[in-house]
Protein backbone atom coordinates (compact mmCIF):
# COMPACT_ATOMS: atom_id res chain seq x y z
CA UNK A 1 -133.39 -55.65 -17.53
CA UNK A 2 -131.58 -58.14 -16.11
CA UNK A 3 -129.22 -60.82 -16.98
CA UNK A 4 -131.24 -64.76 -15.89
CA UNK A 5 -128.54 -67.49 -15.76
CA UNK A 6 -129.27 -70.11 -17.54
CA UNK A 7 -128.07 -73.93 -15.63
CA UNK A 8 -129.94 -75.98 -17.90
CA UNK A 9 -128.96 -76.63 -21.58
CA UNK A 10 -131.22 -78.64 -23.98
CA UNK A 11 -130.19 -79.83 -27.91
CA UNK A 12 -131.83 -82.20 -30.58
CA UNK A 13 -128.31 -83.86 -30.88
CA UNK A 14 -127.96 -86.03 -34.43
CA UNK A 15 -125.03 -88.53 -35.71
CA UNK A 16 -124.38 -90.00 -38.58
CA UNK A 17 -121.68 -91.61 -40.09
CA UNK A 18 -119.63 -90.71 -43.42
CA UNK A 19 -117.22 -92.60 -45.59
CA UNK A 20 -113.99 -90.65 -45.80
CA UNK A 21 -111.70 -92.53 -47.92
CA UNK A 22 -111.49 -95.62 -46.51
CA UNK A 23 -112.40 -95.07 -43.21
CA UNK A 24 -115.90 -94.31 -41.71
CA UNK A 25 -116.28 -91.01 -39.43
CA UNK A 26 -118.82 -89.82 -37.49
CA UNK A 27 -120.77 -86.44 -38.28
CA UNK A 28 -122.83 -84.51 -35.26
CA UNK A 29 -125.25 -81.68 -35.14
CA UNK A 30 -126.74 -80.07 -32.39
CA UNK A 31 -130.32 -78.23 -32.75
CA UNK A 32 -131.87 -75.92 -29.87
CA UNK A 33 -135.26 -77.27 -30.00
CA UNK A 34 -136.90 -73.03 -28.45
CA UNK A 35 -135.22 -71.09 -31.75
CA UNK A 36 -133.66 -74.14 -34.30
CA UNK A 37 -130.83 -72.77 -34.69
CA UNK A 38 -128.45 -75.58 -35.69
CA UNK A 39 -125.15 -76.00 -35.66
CA UNK A 40 -122.69 -78.37 -37.65
CA UNK A 41 -119.68 -80.74 -36.13
CA UNK A 42 -117.18 -82.52 -38.88
CA UNK A 43 -116.03 -84.01 -35.60
CA UNK A 44 -117.57 -85.45 -32.63
CA UNK A 45 -114.09 -83.84 -30.85
CA UNK A 46 -115.37 -80.72 -32.62
CA UNK A 47 -118.82 -81.34 -30.94
CA UNK A 48 -117.18 -82.80 -27.40
CA UNK A 49 -115.41 -79.04 -27.70
CA UNK A 50 -118.09 -76.53 -28.56
CA UNK A 51 -120.85 -78.39 -25.82
CA UNK A 52 -117.38 -78.05 -23.45
CA UNK A 53 -117.18 -74.16 -24.23
CA UNK A 54 -121.14 -73.31 -23.47
CA UNK A 55 -120.93 -74.77 -19.96
CA UNK A 56 -117.80 -72.87 -19.14
CA UNK A 57 -119.34 -69.36 -20.16
CA UNK A 58 -122.11 -70.59 -18.38
CA UNK A 59 -119.82 -71.19 -14.95
CA UNK A 60 -118.80 -67.71 -15.65
CA UNK A 61 -121.88 -66.32 -15.61
CA UNK A 62 -122.65 -66.97 -11.95
CA UNK A 63 -124.76 -70.09 -10.06
CA UNK A 64 -127.16 -71.57 -8.70
CA UNK A 65 -127.12 -69.93 -5.05
CA UNK A 66 -125.50 -66.45 -6.90
CA UNK A 67 -129.02 -66.11 -9.10
CA UNK A 68 -131.73 -67.08 -6.19
CA UNK A 69 -132.18 -69.88 -8.10
CA UNK A 70 -133.53 -73.38 -6.87
CA UNK A 71 -133.22 -76.37 -9.27
CA UNK A 72 -134.80 -78.74 -8.43
CA UNK A 73 -133.43 -82.49 -9.49
CA UNK A 74 -134.55 -84.89 -11.24
CA UNK A 75 -135.54 -88.37 -11.02
CA UNK A 76 -131.66 -90.58 -11.93
CA UNK A 77 -132.20 -92.69 -15.11
CA UNK A 78 -133.47 -96.40 -14.62
CA UNK A 79 -136.11 -94.92 -11.48
């Protein structure tokens, strides 16, 4: 079986604020719309670290050119 390079990620992002003592703290979760898997994060920094890790993993698996895939850019926001 040939491993496919996936150069697209989609998540449902949820953010909410909670009180911790006398300060507000942001919590986050990501849900994969395909599998339904949900990952929760105690801090926004942990969310960003996870996303950075996922991008680095995808970068190491190969590029579009190596996989023979040509991606058409979509419209830019505001178009």
